[in-house]
Amino acid sequence: IRREAEAALAALDGRGPEALAGFADAIRSWRELGLEFEAAVCGLNLVTMLGPSEPEARAVAADAGAVFKRLGAQPFETLLADAMSVTMSAPSLHAGAPLVEDAPASPARAD
């Protein structure tokens, strides 16, 4: 779980290659544990955060889609299809621009 979270943070920070490697490690770890559904969800997260433009992302998406289909996980198939259809707004893995800009936090009200 930690490696997947680190990969997501790398993606948000614009470190695409690092994020891709992290997601790949996390997927491999889930599979080694025999947790194919979790590996597929991790693949969905990869495609959602990094976009479908890279060959690695498309391969992961194909594997995840097969797992979702086999398990009858239609909502996840739909999420994956939506993530795969996003092409123009998905940043390149090599762009280096963070997905989330640093902004000062607004003070929270303690009611």
N, C-alpha and C. Protein backbone atom coordinates (compact mmCIF):
# COMPACT_ATOMS: atom_id res chain seq x y z
N ILE A 1 0.84 -1.19 0.00
CA ILE A 1 0.00 0.00 0.00
C ILE A 1 0.88 1.25 0.00
N ARG A 2 1.96 1.20 0.78
CA ARG A 2 2.83 2.37 0.88
C ARG A 2 3.43 2.73 -0.48
N ARG A 3 3.89 1.72 -1.21
CA ARG A 3 4.52 1.99 -2.51
C ARG A 3 3.51 2.61 -3.48
N GLU A 4 2.28 2.16 -3.43
CA GLU A 4 1.24 2.73 -4.29
C GLU A 4 0.97 4.19 -3.91
N ALA A 5 0.93 4.46 -2.61
CA ALA A 5 0.72 5.83 -2.15
C ALA A 5 1.88 6.73 -2.56
N GLU A 6 3.10 6.23 -2.45
CA GLU A 6 4.27 7.00 -2.87
C GLU A 6 4.22 7.29 -4.37
N ALA A 7 3.77 6.32 -5.14
CA ALA A 7 3.65 6.51 -6.59
C ALA A 7 2.61 7.58 -6.90
N ALA A 8 1.51 7.55 -6.18
CA ALA A 8 0.46 8.56 -6.39
C ALA A 8 0.98 9.95 -6.05
N LEU A 9 1.73 10.06 -4.97
CA LEU A 9 2.31 11.36 -4.60
C LEU A 9 3.31 11.83 -5.65
N ALA A 10 4.11 10.91 -6.17
CA ALA A 10 5.05 11.26 -7.24
C ALA A 10 4.30 11.77 -8.47
N ALA A 11 3.20 11.12 -8.80
CA ALA A 11 2.39 11.57 -9.95
C ALA A 11 1.85 12.97 -9.71
N LEU A 12 1.34 13.21 -8.52
CA LEU A 12 0.80 14.54 -8.20
C LEU A 12 1.88 15.61 -8.23
N ASP A 13 3.11 15.20 -7.96
CA ASP A 13 4.24 16.14 -7.93
C ASP A 13 4.89 16.30 -9.30
N GLY A 14 4.35 15.62 -10.32
CA GLY A 14 4.89 15.76 -11.67
C GLY A 14 6.09 14.88 -11.97
N ARG A 15 6.34 13.90 -11.11
CA ARG A 15 7.48 12.99 -11.32
C ARG A 15 6.97 11.69 -11.96
N GLY A 16 6.59 11.82 -13.24
CA GLY A 16 5.96 10.72 -13.97
C GLY A 16 6.75 9.43 -14.00
N PRO A 17 8.03 9.46 -14.41
CA PRO A 17 8.78 8.20 -14.46
C PRO A 17 8.89 7.51 -13.09
N GLU A 18 9.07 8.31 -12.04
CA GLU A 18 9.12 7.75 -10.69
C GLU A 18 7.77 7.15 -10.30
N ALA A 19 6.71 7.85 -10.66
CA ALA A 19 5.36 7.36 -10.37
C ALA A 19 5.09 6.05 -11.11
N LEU A 20 5.46 6.00 -12.37
CA LEU A 20 5.25 4.78 -13.16
C LEU A 20 5.99 3.60 -12.54
N ALA A 21 7.24 3.82 -12.15
CA ALA A 21 8.02 2.75 -11.52
C ALA A 21 7.39 2.32 -10.20
N GLY A 22 6.90 3.28 -9.44
CA GLY A 22 6.26 2.96 -8.16
C GLY A 22 4.99 2.16 -8.33
N PHE A 23 4.16 2.58 -9.27
CA PHE A 23 2.93 1.82 -9.53
C PHE A 23 3.28 0.41 -10.01
N ALA A 24 4.29 0.28 -10.88
CA ALA A 24 4.68 -1.05 -11.36
C ALA A 24 5.13 -1.94 -10.21
N ASP A 25 5.91 -1.38 -9.28
CA ASP A 25 6.34 -2.14 -8.10
C ASP A 25 5.15 -2.56 -7.25
N ALA A 26 4.22 -1.64 -7.05
CA ALA A 26 3.04 -1.94 -6.24
C ALA A 26 2.19 -3.04 -6.89
N ILE A 27 2.00 -2.95 -8.20
CA ILE A 27 1.23 -3.98 -8.91
C ILE A 27 1.90 -5.33 -8.76
N ARG A 28 3.21 -5.35 -8.94
CA ARG A 28 3.97 -6.60 -8.79
C ARG A 28 3.80 -7.18 -7.38
N SER A 29 3.87 -6.31 -6.37
CA SER A 29 3.71 -6.76 -4.98
C SER A 29 2.32 -7.33 -4.73
N TRP A 30 1.28 -6.65 -5.22
CA TRP A 30 -0.08 -7.17 -5.05
C TRP A 30 -0.21 -8.55 -5.70
N ARG A 31 0.36 -8.69 -6.89
CA ARG A 31 0.27 -9.99 -7.59
C ARG A 31 1.03 -11.07 -6.84
N GLU A 32 2.20 -10.74 -6.30
CA GLU A 32 2.98 -11.72 -5.54
C GLU A 32 2.21 -12.21 -4.33
N LEU A 33 1.35 -11.36 -3.78
CA LEU A 33 0.52 -11.74 -2.65
C LEU A 33 -0.75 -12.49 -3.08
N GLY A 34 -0.93 -12.62 -4.40
CA GLY A 34 -2.11 -13.30 -4.92
C GLY A 34 -3.36 -12.43 -4.91
N LEU A 35 -3.17 -11.12 -4.83
CA LEU A 35 -4.29 -10.19 -4.74
C LEU A 35 -4.49 -9.49 -6.08
N GLU A 36 -5.08 -10.23 -7.01
CA GLU A 36 -5.24 -9.73 -8.38
C GLU A 36 -6.17 -8.52 -8.46
N PHE A 37 -7.23 -8.52 -7.67
CA PHE A 37 -8.14 -7.37 -7.71
C PHE A 37 -7.42 -6.10 -7.26
N GLU A 38 -6.65 -6.18 -6.17
CA GLU A 38 -5.91 -5.02 -5.69
C GLU A 38 -4.89 -4.57 -6.73
N ALA A 39 -4.26 -5.52 -7.42
CA ALA A 39 -3.33 -5.18 -8.49
C ALA A 39 -4.05 -4.44 -9.61
N ALA A 40 -5.25 -4.89 -9.92
CA ALA A 40 -6.04 -4.24 -10.98
C ALA A 40 -6.46 -2.84 -10.57
N VAL A 41 -6.85 -2.66 -9.32
CA VAL A 41 -7.22 -1.33 -8.83
C VAL A 41 -6.00 -0.41 -8.86
N CYS A 42 -4.85 -0.94 -8.51
CA CYS A 42 -3.62 -0.16 -8.59
C CYS A 42 -3.35 0.26 -10.05
N GLY A 43 -3.61 -0.65 -10.98
CA GLY A 43 -3.47 -0.32 -12.39
C GLY A 43 -4.45 0.77 -12.81
N LEU A 44 -5.66 0.70 -12.30
CA LEU A 44 -6.65 1.75 -12.55
C LEU A 44 -6.14 3.08 -12.03
N ASN A 45 -5.56 3.07 -10.84
CA ASN A 45 -5.01 4.30 -10.27
C ASN A 45 -3.87 4.84 -11.13
N LEU A 46 -3.03 3.96 -11.64
CA LEU A 46 -1.95 4.38 -12.53
C LEU A 46 -2.50 5.11 -13.73
N VAL A 47 -3.46 4.50 -14.41
CA VAL A 47 -4.02 5.10 -15.62
C VAL A 47 -4.76 6.40 -15.29
N THR A 48 -5.46 6.42 -14.18
CA THR A 48 -6.19 7.62 -13.78
C THR A 48 -5.23 8.78 -13.51
N MET A 49 -4.12 8.49 -12.86
CA MET A 49 -3.21 9.56 -12.47
C MET A 49 -2.20 9.94 -13.55
N LEU A 50 -1.79 8.98 -14.36
CA LEU A 50 -0.75 9.25 -15.35
C LEU A 50 -1.28 9.34 -16.78
N GLY A 51 -2.50 8.87 -16.98
CA GLY A 51 -3.07 8.91 -18.32
C GLY A 51 -2.70 7.68 -19.12
N PRO A 52 -3.38 7.48 -20.23
CA PRO A 52 -3.19 6.28 -21.04
C PRO A 52 -2.19 6.44 -22.18
N SER A 53 -1.44 7.53 -22.20
CA SER A 53 -0.60 7.80 -23.37
C SER A 53 0.64 6.92 -23.46
N GLU A 54 1.12 6.41 -22.36
CA GLU A 54 2.34 5.59 -22.37
C GLU A 54 1.99 4.12 -22.62
N PRO A 55 2.84 3.41 -23.36
CA PRO A 55 2.58 1.98 -23.61
C PRO A 55 2.44 1.17 -22.33
N GLU A 56 3.22 1.50 -21.31
CA GLU A 56 3.14 0.77 -20.04
C GLU A 56 1.76 0.94 -19.41
N ALA A 57 1.22 2.14 -19.49
CA ALA A 57 -0.10 2.39 -18.93
C ALA A 57 -1.17 1.61 -19.68
N ARG A 58 -1.05 1.55 -20.99
CA ARG A 58 -2.03 0.80 -21.78
C ARG A 58 -1.95 -0.69 -21.48
N ALA A 59 -0.75 -1.22 -21.27
CA ALA A 59 -0.60 -2.64 -20.94
C ALA A 59 -1.21 -2.95 -19.58
N VAL A 60 -0.94 -2.08 -18.61
CA VAL A 60 -1.51 -2.25 -17.28
C VAL A 60 -3.04 -2.17 -17.34
N ALA A 61 -3.55 -1.25 -18.14
CA ALA A 61 -5.00 -1.10 -18.29
C ALA A 61 -5.63 -2.35 -18.89
N ALA A 62 -4.96 -2.95 -19.86
CA ALA A 62 -5.49 -4.17 -20.47
C ALA A 62 -5.57 -5.29 -19.43
N ASP A 63 -4.53 -5.43 -18.62
CA ASP A 63 -4.53 -6.46 -17.57
C ASP A 63 -5.63 -6.18 -16.54
N ALA A 64 -5.73 -4.92 -16.12
CA ALA A 64 -6.74 -4.56 -15.12
C ALA A 64 -8.14 -4.80 -15.67
N GLY A 65 -8.36 -4.42 -16.92
CA GLY A 65 -9.67 -4.62 -17.53
C GLY A 65 -10.06 -6.09 -17.58
N ALA A 66 -9.09 -6.95 -17.87
CA ALA A 66 -9.37 -8.39 -17.91
C ALA A 66 -9.78 -8.91 -16.53
N VAL A 67 -9.11 -8.42 -15.49
CA VAL A 67 -9.46 -8.84 -14.12
C VAL A 67 -10.86 -8.35 -13.77
N PHE A 68 -11.13 -7.08 -14.04
CA PHE A 68 -12.46 -6.54 -13.72
C PHE A 68 -13.55 -7.30 -14.46
N LYS A 69 -13.32 -7.61 -15.72
CA LYS A 69 -14.32 -8.34 -16.51
C LYS A 69 -14.54 -9.74 -15.94
N ARG A 70 -13.44 -10.43 -15.62
CA ARG A 70 -13.54 -11.79 -15.09
C ARG A 70 -14.31 -11.82 -13.77
N LEU A 71 -14.12 -10.78 -12.96
CA LEU A 71 -14.78 -10.72 -11.65
C LEU A 71 -16.17 -10.10 -11.71
N GLY A 72 -16.56 -9.60 -12.87
CA GLY A 72 -17.86 -8.95 -12.98
C GLY A 72 -17.91 -7.61 -12.27
N ALA A 73 -16.77 -6.94 -12.20
CA ALA A 73 -16.66 -5.66 -11.50
C ALA A 73 -16.97 -4.51 -12.47
N GLN A 74 -18.22 -4.44 -12.90
CA GLN A 74 -18.64 -3.46 -13.90
C GLN A 74 -18.32 -2.02 -13.53
N PRO A 75 -18.54 -1.59 -12.28
CA PRO A 75 -18.20 -0.19 -11.96
C PRO A 75 -16.72 0.12 -12.20
N PHE A 76 -15.86 -0.85 -11.91
CA PHE A 76 -14.43 -0.64 -12.13
C PHE A 76 -14.09 -0.66 -13.62
N GLU A 77 -14.79 -1.49 -14.38
CA GLU A 77 -14.61 -1.47 -15.84
C GLU A 77 -14.97 -0.10 -16.40
N THR A 78 -16.04 0.47 -15.88
CA THR A 78 -16.48 1.80 -16.34
C THR A 78 -15.45 2.86 -15.97
N LEU A 79 -14.95 2.82 -14.75
CA LEU A 79 -13.92 3.77 -14.34
C LEU A 79 -12.68 3.65 -15.22
N LEU A 80 -12.29 2.42 -15.53
CA LEU A 80 -11.12 2.21 -16.38
C LEU A 80 -11.37 2.74 -17.79
N ALA A 81 -12.54 2.46 -18.32
CA ALA A 81 -12.87 2.97 -19.66
C ALA A 81 -12.84 4.50 -19.68
N ASP A 82 -13.36 5.12 -18.63
CA ASP A 82 -13.32 6.58 -18.54
C ASP A 82 -11.88 7.09 -18.48
N ALA A 83 -11.05 6.44 -17.68
CA ALA A 83 -9.64 6.85 -17.57
C ALA A 83 -8.91 6.67 -18.89
N MET A 84 -9.24 5.62 -19.62
CA MET A 84 -8.58 5.38 -20.91
C MET A 84 -9.04 6.36 -21.98
N SER A 85 -10.21 6.95 -21.80
CA SER A 85 -10.71 7.88 -22.82
C SER A 85 -10.15 9.29 -22.64
N VAL A 86 -9.51 9.55 -21.53
CA VAL A 86 -8.93 10.86 -21.27
C VAL A 86 -7.56 10.90 -21.93
N THR A 87 -7.47 11.63 -23.04
CA THR A 87 -6.18 11.70 -23.73
C THR A 87 -5.62 13.11 -23.77
N MET A 88 -6.44 14.07 -24.01
CA MET A 88 -5.93 15.43 -24.19
C MET A 88 -5.49 16.06 -22.87
N SER A 89 -6.20 15.83 -21.80
CA SER A 89 -5.88 16.50 -20.55
C SER A 89 -4.87 15.74 -19.70
N ALA A 90 -4.57 14.50 -20.07
CA ALA A 90 -3.62 13.73 -19.27
C ALA A 90 -2.21 14.23 -19.52
N PRO A 91 -1.45 14.52 -18.45
CA PRO A 91 -0.09 15.00 -18.64
C PRO A 91 0.83 13.87 -19.08
N SER A 92 1.86 14.24 -19.79
CA SER A 92 2.87 13.26 -20.19
C SER A 92 3.66 12.85 -18.97
N LEU A 93 4.15 11.63 -18.97
CA LEU A 93 4.99 11.17 -17.87
C LEU A 93 6.27 11.98 -17.78
N HIS A 94 6.65 12.61 -18.85
CA HIS A 94 7.93 13.31 -18.90
C HIS A 94 7.77 14.82 -18.79
N ALA A 95 6.57 15.29 -18.53
CA ALA A 95 6.32 16.73 -18.52
C ALA A 95 7.00 17.43 -17.34
N GLY A 96 7.03 16.76 -16.19
CA GLY A 96 7.68 17.34 -15.02
C GLY A 96 6.86 18.38 -14.29
N ALA A 97 5.69 18.68 -14.74
CA ALA A 97 4.84 19.66 -14.06
C ALA A 97 3.94 18.93 -13.07
N PRO A 98 3.86 19.44 -11.85
CA PRO A 98 2.99 18.78 -10.87
C PRO A 98 1.54 18.87 -11.28
N LEU A 99 0.78 17.84 -10.91
CA LEU A 99 -0.65 17.84 -11.18
C LEU A 99 -1.40 18.75 -10.22
N VAL A 100 -0.80 18.97 -9.06
CA VAL A 100 -1.41 19.82 -8.05
C VAL A 100 -0.40 20.90 -7.70
N GLU A 101 -0.81 22.14 -7.82
CA GLU A 101 0.06 23.26 -7.49
C GLU A 101 0.05 23.46 -5.97
N ASP A 102 1.20 23.89 -5.44
CA ASP A 102 1.26 24.23 -4.02
C ASP A 102 0.44 25.49 -3.79
N ALA A 103 -0.38 25.45 -2.79
CA ALA A 103 -1.19 26.61 -2.44
C ALA A 103 -1.28 26.66 -0.93
N PRO A 104 -1.29 27.86 -0.39
CA PRO A 104 -1.41 27.94 1.07
C PRO A 104 -2.76 27.40 1.52
N ALA A 105 -2.74 26.72 2.62
CA ALA A 105 -3.97 26.17 3.17
C ALA A 105 -4.77 27.29 3.81
N SER A 106 -6.05 27.22 3.65
CA SER A 106 -6.89 28.21 4.31
C SER A 106 -7.17 27.72 5.73
N PRO A 107 -7.29 28.64 6.65
CA PRO A 107 -7.54 28.21 8.03
C PRO A 107 -8.87 27.48 8.14
N ALA A 108 -8.87 26.42 8.88
CA ALA A 108 -10.08 25.64 9.09
C ALA A 108 -10.82 26.16 10.31
N ARG A 109 -12.10 26.12 10.22
CA ARG A 109 -12.91 26.51 11.37
C ARG A 109 -13.07 25.33 12.31
N ALA A 110 -12.91 25.59 13.56
CA ALA A 110 -13.10 24.55 14.57
C ALA A 110 -14.42 24.81 15.27
N ASP A 111 -15.46 24.20 14.76
CA ASP A 111 -16.79 24.40 15.35
C ASP A 111 -17.07 23.34 16.37
